[in-house]
Amino acid sequence: MNQDSDHEKIGQEFQALRDSLKTVQLATIDSDGNPQASYAPCVWIENDCYLYLSELARHTQNLIANPAISLLLIESEEKSKNLFSRRRIMLQGEVSTIGRDSNQFVIIMAEFKGRFGDFIDVIEPLQDFHLFQINPQSGRFIRGFAQAYDLVGPGLREFKHIDMQSR
């Protein structure tokens, strides 16, 4: 297999893992500088992740005060062949808020409804909810032991193998 087809296969595996998960693990930073782990349902449009979050959740307050986030998308324990090397994607991103009065809000909420059903009709009008856009700035894809790749290039669409010399 040549390098181009290797990278194409890696890209397909990355996309399949990302698109198979309806939720993402979140790491945010609270007002005291402490990390907080959480999760949220998400939708992906192109390279950006979108979260629709209530102000009642700590992670929402954290994102409003400090728009830094790390995302973890990880293969389920049941599907994993080895729990020490679960396939996973780790992303660090910039956070912005999408205003309710924008066309983008309407489009993205339609994606949420398509993915999560009529429940979105219940929470969409709630004013304590905010729509966040996460634009990944860096990341890593782990396929298994000795199969770690930094995400590089435009849109983080290229995979650079990490070895002992490059870590």
C-alpha atoms as a PDB file:
ATOM      1  CA  MET A   1       0.000   0.000   0.000  1.00  0.00           C
ATOM      2  CA  ASN A   2       1.430   3.380  -0.913  1.00  0.00           C
ATOM      3  CA  GLN A   3       1.528   6.437   1.335  1.00  0.00           C
ATOM      4  CA  ASP A   4      -1.383   8.178  -0.426  1.00  0.00           C
ATOM      5  CA  SER A   5      -3.696   5.194   0.021  1.00  0.00           C
ATOM      6  CA  ASP A   6      -2.500   4.837   3.640  1.00  0.00           C
ATOM      7  CA  HIS A   7      -3.444   8.460   4.314  1.00  0.00           C
ATOM      8  CA  GLU A   8      -6.765   7.985   2.537  1.00  0.00           C
ATOM      9  CA  LYS A   9      -7.542   4.945   4.703  1.00  0.00           C
ATOM     10  CA  ILE A  10      -6.541   6.830   7.863  1.00  0.00           C
ATOM     11  CA  GLY A  11      -8.772   9.729   6.809  1.00  0.00           C
ATOM     12  CA  GLN A  12     -11.697   7.370   6.223  1.00  0.00           C
ATOM     13  CA  GLU A  13     -11.219   5.769   9.653  1.00  0.00           C
ATOM     14  CA  PHE A  14     -11.014   9.196  11.274  1.00  0.00           C
ATOM     15  CA  GLN A  15     -14.221  10.344   9.548  1.00  0.00           C
ATOM     16  CA  ALA A  16     -16.049   7.095  10.363  1.00  0.00           C
ATOM     17  CA  LEU A  17     -15.184   7.342  14.075  1.00  0.00           C
ATOM     18  CA  ARG A  18     -16.114  11.028  14.261  1.00  0.00           C
ATOM     19  CA  ASP A  19     -19.404  10.565  12.434  1.00  0.00           C
ATOM     20  CA  SER A  20     -20.407   7.446  14.400  1.00  0.00           C
ATOM     21  CA  LEU A  21     -20.549   9.289  17.730  1.00  0.00           C
ATOM     22  CA  LYS A  22     -23.501  11.467  18.730  1.00  0.00           C
ATOM     23  CA  THR A  23     -21.795  12.892  21.800  1.00  0.00           C
ATOM     24  CA  VAL A  24     -18.397  14.325  22.585  1.00  0.00           C
ATOM     25  CA  GLN A  25     -16.449  14.446  25.852  1.00  0.00           C
ATOM     26  CA  LEU A  26     -15.577  18.012  26.876  1.00  0.00           C
ATOM     27  CA  ALA A  27     -12.774  19.504  28.917  1.00  0.00           C
ATOM     28  CA  THR A  28     -13.360  23.122  29.911  1.00  0.00           C
ATOM     29  CA  ILE A  29     -11.713  25.421  32.435  1.00  0.00           C
ATOM     30  CA  ASP A  30     -13.632  26.912  35.357  1.00  0.00           C
ATOM     31  CA  SER A  31     -13.211  30.397  36.836  1.00  0.00           C
ATOM     32  CA  ASP A  32     -10.556  29.106  39.256  1.00  0.00           C
ATOM     33  CA  GLY A  33      -8.498  27.642  36.411  1.00  0.00           C
ATOM     34  CA  ASN A  34      -9.468  24.062  37.205  1.00  0.00           C
ATOM     35  CA  PRO A  35     -10.272  21.599  34.431  1.00  0.00           C
ATOM     36  CA  GLN A  36     -13.778  20.151  34.303  1.00  0.00           C
ATOM     37  CA  ALA A  37     -14.786  17.098  32.303  1.00  0.00           C
ATOM     38  CA  SER A  38     -18.247  16.669  30.875  1.00  0.00           C
ATOM     39  CA  TYR A  39     -20.027  15.625  27.692  1.00  0.00           C
ATOM     40  CA  ALA A  40     -22.615  16.940  25.270  1.00  0.00           C
ATOM     41  CA  PRO A  41     -24.539  15.893  22.182  1.00  0.00           C
ATOM     42  CA  CYS A  42     -23.001  17.380  19.047  1.00  0.00           C
ATOM     43  CA  VAL A  43     -23.308  17.834  15.328  1.00  0.00           C
ATOM     44  CA  TRP A  44     -20.478  18.289  12.856  1.00  0.00           C
ATOM     45  CA  ILE A  45     -20.696  20.503   9.809  1.00  0.00           C
ATOM     46  CA  GLU A  46     -17.563  20.262   7.714  1.00  0.00           C
ATOM     47  CA  ASN A  47     -14.706  20.562  10.240  1.00  0.00           C
ATOM     48  CA  ASP A  48     -16.595  22.394  12.982  1.00  0.00           C
ATOM     49  CA  CYS A  49     -18.360  20.879  15.976  1.00  0.00           C
ATOM     50  CA  TYR A  50     -21.547  22.457  17.320  1.00  0.00           C
ATOM     51  CA  LEU A  51     -22.905  22.156  20.862  1.00  0.00           C
ATOM     52  CA  TYR A  52     -26.281  23.374  22.147  1.00  0.00           C
ATOM     53  CA  LEU A  53     -25.818  23.884  25.875  1.00  0.00           C
ATOM     54  CA  SER A  54     -27.807  25.175  28.836  1.00  0.00           C
ATOM     55  CA  GLU A  55     -26.472  27.864  31.164  1.00  0.00           C
ATOM     56  CA  LEU A  56     -27.401  25.521  34.018  1.00  0.00           C
ATOM     57  CA  ALA A  57     -24.465  23.295  33.034  1.00  0.00           C
ATOM     58  CA  ARG A  58     -21.045  24.187  34.388  1.00  0.00           C
ATOM     59  CA  HIS A  59     -19.382  23.613  31.038  1.00  0.00           C
ATOM     60  CA  THR A  60     -21.576  26.346  29.517  1.00  0.00           C
ATOM     61  CA  GLN A  61     -20.542  28.869  32.168  1.00  0.00           C
ATOM     62  CA  ASN A  62     -16.931  27.829  31.628  1.00  0.00           C
ATOM     63  CA  LEU A  63     -17.153  28.374  27.855  1.00  0.00           C
ATOM     64  CA  ILE A  64     -18.795  31.775  28.278  1.00  0.00           C
ATOM     65  CA  ALA A  65     -16.012  32.900  30.637  1.00  0.00           C
ATOM     66  CA  ASN A  66     -13.120  31.121  28.899  1.00  0.00           C
ATOM     67  CA  PRO A  67     -13.619  30.086  25.272  1.00  0.00           C
ATOM     68  CA  ALA A  68     -11.027  27.294  25.337  1.00  0.00           C
ATOM     69  CA  ILE A  69     -12.036  23.667  24.942  1.00  0.00           C
ATOM     70  CA  SER A  70     -10.653  20.220  24.392  1.00  0.00           C
ATOM     71  CA  LEU A  71     -12.823  17.527  22.820  1.00  0.00           C
ATOM     72  CA  LEU A  72     -12.476  13.764  23.070  1.00  0.00           C
ATOM     73  CA  LEU A  73     -14.275  11.391  20.751  1.00  0.00           C
ATOM     74  CA  ILE A  74     -13.556   7.806  21.791  1.00  0.00           C
ATOM     75  CA  GLU A  75     -14.536   4.392  20.534  1.00  0.00           C
ATOM     76  CA  SER A  76     -16.953   2.565  22.831  1.00  0.00           C
ATOM     77  CA  GLU A  77     -15.546  -0.007  25.226  1.00  0.00           C
ATOM     78  CA  GLU A  78     -17.809  -2.630  23.685  1.00  0.00           C
ATOM     79  CA  LYS A  79     -16.406  -2.084  20.172  1.00  0.00           C
ATOM     80  CA  SER A  80     -12.781  -1.814  21.236  1.00  0.00           C
ATOM     81  CA  LYS A  81     -10.510  -4.814  20.689  1.00  0.00           C
ATOM     82  CA  ASN A  82      -8.145  -3.574  23.408  1.00  0.00           C
ATOM     83  CA  LEU A  83      -9.135  -1.114  26.132  1.00  0.00           C
ATOM     84  CA  PHE A  84      -5.546   0.151  26.343  1.00  0.00           C
ATOM     85  CA  SER A  85      -5.653   1.328  22.743  1.00  0.00           C
ATOM     86  CA  ARG A  86      -9.178   2.523  22.049  1.00  0.00           C
ATOM     87  CA  ARG A  87      -9.448   4.524  18.846  1.00  0.00           C
ATOM     88  CA  ARG A  88      -9.894   8.196  19.698  1.00  0.00           C
ATOM     89  CA  ILE A  89      -9.748  11.733  18.422  1.00  0.00           C
ATOM     90  CA  MET A  90      -8.535  14.583  20.617  1.00  0.00           C
ATOM     91  CA  LEU A  91      -9.097  18.158  19.478  1.00  0.00           C
ATOM     92  CA  GLN A  92      -8.321  21.584  20.905  1.00  0.00           C
ATOM     93  CA  GLY A  93     -10.438  24.387  19.582  1.00  0.00           C
ATOM     94  CA  GLU A  94     -11.571  27.968  19.561  1.00  0.00           C
ATOM     95  CA  VAL A  95     -15.126  28.572  20.741  1.00  0.00           C
ATOM     96  CA  SER A  96     -17.588  31.117  19.414  1.00  0.00           C
ATOM     97  CA  THR A  97     -21.292  31.653  20.035  1.00  0.00           C
ATOM     98  CA  ILE A  98     -23.848  31.577  17.222  1.00  0.00           C
ATOM     99  CA  GLY A  99     -26.590  34.175  17.726  1.00  0.00           C
ATOM    100  CA  ARG A 100     -30.228  33.069  17.676  1.00  0.00           C
ATOM    101  CA  ASP A 101     -31.069  35.714  15.091  1.00  0.00           C
ATOM    102  CA  SER A 102     -28.618  34.376  12.488  1.00  0.00           C
ATOM    103  CA  ASN A 103     -29.305  32.138   9.491  1.00  0.00           C
ATOM    104  CA  GLN A 104     -26.494  29.907  10.730  1.00  0.00           C
ATOM    105  CA  PHE A 105     -28.455  29.227  13.940  1.00  0.00           C
ATOM    106  CA  VAL A 106     -31.471  28.039  11.914  1.00  0.00           C
ATOM    107  CA  ILE A 107     -29.342  25.781   9.713  1.00  0.00           C
ATOM    108  CA  ILE A 108     -27.444  24.209  12.597  1.00  0.00           C
ATOM    109  CA  MET A 109     -30.537  23.660  14.728  1.00  0.00           C
ATOM    110  CA  ALA A 110     -32.098  21.851  11.748  1.00  0.00           C
ATOM    111  CA  GLU A 111     -29.047  19.558  11.807  1.00  0.00           C
ATOM    112  CA  PHE A 112     -29.596  18.966  15.532  1.00  0.00           C
ATOM    113  CA  LYS A 113     -33.237  18.096  14.878  1.00  0.00           C
ATOM    114  CA  GLY A 114     -32.259  15.730  12.084  1.00  0.00           C
ATOM    115  CA  ARG A 115     -29.839  13.950  14.373  1.00  0.00           C
ATOM    116  CA  PHE A 116     -31.700  14.040  17.693  1.00  0.00           C
ATOM    117  CA  GLY A 117     -35.348  14.240  16.695  1.00  0.00           C
ATOM    118  CA  ASP A 118     -38.297  16.157  18.085  1.00  0.00           C
ATOM    119  CA  PHE A 119     -36.670  16.736  21.497  1.00  0.00           C
ATOM    120  CA  ILE A 120     -34.869  19.662  19.871  1.00  0.00           C
ATOM    121  CA  ASP A 121     -38.272  21.376  19.467  1.00  0.00           C
ATOM    122  CA  VAL A 122     -38.532  21.346  23.278  1.00  0.00           C
ATOM    123  CA  ILE A 123     -35.136  22.880  24.041  1.00  0.00           C
ATOM    124  CA  GLU A 124     -34.553  25.156  21.036  1.00  0.00           C
ATOM    125  CA  PRO A 125     -36.782  27.997  22.334  1.00  0.00           C
ATOM    126  CA  LEU A 126     -35.285  27.896  25.853  1.00  0.00           C
ATOM    127  CA  GLN A 127     -33.376  31.142  26.329  1.00  0.00           C
ATOM    128  CA  ASP A 128     -30.794  29.669  28.705  1.00  0.00           C
ATOM    129  CA  PHE A 129     -29.414  27.532  25.848  1.00  0.00           C
ATOM    130  CA  HIS A 130     -26.526  28.731  23.699  1.00  0.00           C
ATOM    131  CA  LEU A 131     -25.252  27.389  20.394  1.00  0.00           C
ATOM    132  CA  PHE A 132     -21.471  27.081  20.379  1.00  0.00           C
ATOM    133  CA  GLN A 133     -19.238  26.544  17.383  1.00  0.00           C
ATOM    134  CA  ILE A 134     -15.938  24.784  18.023  1.00  0.00           C
ATOM    135  CA  ASN A 135     -13.313  25.364  15.360  1.00  0.00           C
ATOM    136  CA  PRO A 136     -10.543  22.786  15.905  1.00  0.00           C
ATOM    137  CA  GLN A 137      -7.049  24.294  15.888  1.00  0.00           C
ATOM    138  CA  SER A 138      -5.012  21.182  16.646  1.00  0.00           C
ATOM    139  CA  GLY A 139      -5.621  17.542  17.264  1.00  0.00           C
ATOM    140  CA  ARG A 140      -4.509  13.953  17.320  1.00  0.00           C
ATOM    141  CA  PHE A 141      -5.981  10.696  16.015  1.00  0.00           C
ATOM    142  CA  ILE A 142      -5.061   7.447  17.757  1.00  0.00           C
ATOM    143  CA  ARG A 143      -5.755   4.295  15.726  1.00  0.00           C
ATOM    144  CA  GLY A 144      -4.045   1.916  18.175  1.00  0.00           C
ATOM    145  CA  PHE A 145      -0.591   1.102  19.552  1.00  0.00           C
ATOM    146  CA  ALA A 146       2.134   2.955  17.611  1.00  0.00           C
ATOM    147  CA  GLN A 147      -0.544   4.450  15.364  1.00  0.00           C
ATOM    148  CA  ALA A 148      -0.813   8.034  16.564  1.00  0.00           C
ATOM    149  CA  TYR A 149      -1.186  10.923  14.137  1.00  0.00           C
ATOM    150  CA  ASP A 150      -1.090  14.669  14.610  1.00  0.00           C
ATOM    151  CA  LEU A 151      -3.811  16.415  12.622  1.00  0.00           C
ATOM    152  CA  VAL A 152      -2.177  19.073  10.450  1.00  0.00           C
ATOM    153  CA  GLY A 153      -2.767  21.192   7.387  1.00  0.00           C
ATOM    154  CA  PRO A 154      -5.832  23.112   6.228  1.00  0.00           C
ATOM    155  CA  GLY A 155      -8.888  21.985   8.171  1.00  0.00           C
ATOM    156  CA  LEU A 156      -6.696  19.476  10.036  1.00  0.00           C
ATOM    157  CA  ARG A 157      -7.273  17.048   7.136  1.00  0.00           C
ATOM    158  CA  GLU A 158      -3.715  15.701   6.959  1.00  0.00           C
ATOM    159  CA  PHE A 159      -2.226  13.045   9.231  1.00  0.00           C
ATOM    160  CA  LYS A 160       1.389  13.186  10.415  1.00  0.00           C
ATOM    161  CA  HIS A 161       2.570   9.959  12.037  1.00  0.00           C
ATOM    162  CA  ILE A 162       4.068  10.433  15.493  1.00  0.00           C
ATOM    163  CA  ASP A 163       7.122   8.362  16.299  1.00  0.00           C
ATOM    164  CA  MET A 164       9.665   8.454  19.112  1.00  0.00           C
ATOM    165  CA  GLN A 165      11.690  11.167  17.334  1.00  0.00           C
ATOM    166  CA  SER A 166       8.739  13.464  16.573  1.00  0.00           C
ATOM    167  CA  ARG A 167       6.819  13.399  19.827  1.00  0.00           C
END
